[in-house]
Each structure stands twice: as structure tokens, then as C-alpha cells.
Amino acid sequence: MKAMVLAAGRGERLRPITDQTPKALIPVAGRPMIEYPLLLLRHAGITEIVINLHHLGAQIEDYLGDGRRLGLKIHYSREERLLDTGGAVRRAKPFLGDGTFIIINSDVLIDLRLQDLIAFHSRREAVATLVLRPDEKAEEFGAIECAEDGRIHRFLNVDIRTGSRAASKKRMFTGLQVIAPSIFDFMEEDGPFSLTRGTYARLVALGKPLYGFDYFGFWQDLGTAERIKQAEETLRREEVRLHYL
């Protein structure tokens, strides 16, 4: 299995730091934040990885190189303009398109065992499986609603339910997902586009199997200085010990 780590963003919420340093290389508890998803993937035996680059991307490439230092084989997808998540994944199709693959954001700390996620995805024969978590602000930011078996039927405030209107669970997306290569059949052909707001909404509308994997363990977004500080405090106090470090 292969994976893609999304690292092309400008890191607007972390300016002015990101004017000179790419978000992916901002240190969190003594290591650049991008190393956390890379080490998570390595621990699960996923060593062939592509990283998309745009803003200050050369710094990321200079730091990680070919990945050998981390026991990985890293490739790069350099974007002349930001392609958003969907455009980035579609551009990496020559690398990713020969089998099921993982996509993870570079600014996410999560303690999920990827083998559990992959097994769930395989059993459901899903086109894509998103790791979801409960959050009291889910409705504010766009809740994802799932049936009891995990099948997604309402996506980011767009009511595109198929089948029964059974009771549902409201969740938020964590930035980690596993995807079948058939996803490329449902993507836009050109230009930047969102994987979540575009492709996944289309999948649900068409009745294709899109699933949510419930996760209740440690997760931290690293998109702001405050959240980075929270993550560092959690790790420093050893409230969480990431299983892959």
C-alpha cells in the first residue's frame, strides 16, 4: 500500500512564521510536524509515500530528501499552483492509482492504528473511508452524518441522503482517509477542486459506498499556534504516548 501526505498549503493561520518556514516543518515537541504522519505510516508498514509541495516546498524536500533517513521512500508532487486536495490527489494518480492508498494531512497528530482502519475499509468494500470523530462543534463546521454501520449519508451540511433516513451519528473529519483506486472515476478532470466538498459529495449523491470510521482516541489539529501548544503540553505531560514513536 502507498500513501500521500498533503503538505502544499500556505499555513495562513500560522503567519508570520510560515512566511519563511513551510507549515510542515514547524516543530512540534522537538520534531517537524510532518514527521508524525510519516512515522505513523512507517509503523503500519507503508513506506512508499508521495508528498505534494507548493509554498516553500523546496525546504520540505531539502529536509526529507528521499526519505531514507526515516526508513521511507519519498516522492514529490510539485504544484505550480495550489490544486486543493482533490486536484492534488488526481495529479498523483500515476503514483497512487494501482491500489488502495492512504491520504493524511501533514498537520494532524493522531494515535490510530492504521491496520484497524484498513481492515474496516476492506470489509465495507468502500470507495473511500474517512476517519471521523465526535465533536461538539460538528454542526458549526459541517457535520458528517453516518448510519449505524458507518455509511455516510449527509455530508458537510448538504442533505444528499440515499435510502433510509435512519437515526444518524454526527461526526467531524480528522484529515485521515483510506481510498480505493476507483475514486479517480468520480473526480473532476481539470483544475483545483476539493476531495471532500466535491468528490465525496458526488459519491454520496450517486449512492456509492462512502464510509466513516469512528475514532475516539487522541487527535490534535496543528493548524494554529494555540493548537500546537496544546499538543506539545499533552505530549510533554505524557498524557498520550503515540504508539508509533
Foldseek 3Di string as FASTA:
>chain_A
DEEEEEFADQLVQAPPVSVPPGQQQDDFLHGRLLVQVQLLCVLLVHAEYEYEYERVRVVVCVVCPLVVVVPHGYHYHYDPDDQADQRVVLSCCVPPQPWKYKYAYSQKHDQDNVVVVVVLCVVLVAQKEFEWEDDPCLVVQFWFWADPSFFTAGTRPRRQGDDDPDDTDTTDTQRIMMGTSCLSVQGDDDGHDYCRVGSVVVCNNVVGGYGYDYDYDDMFGRSHPVRSVVSNVCVVVPVDDRPSD
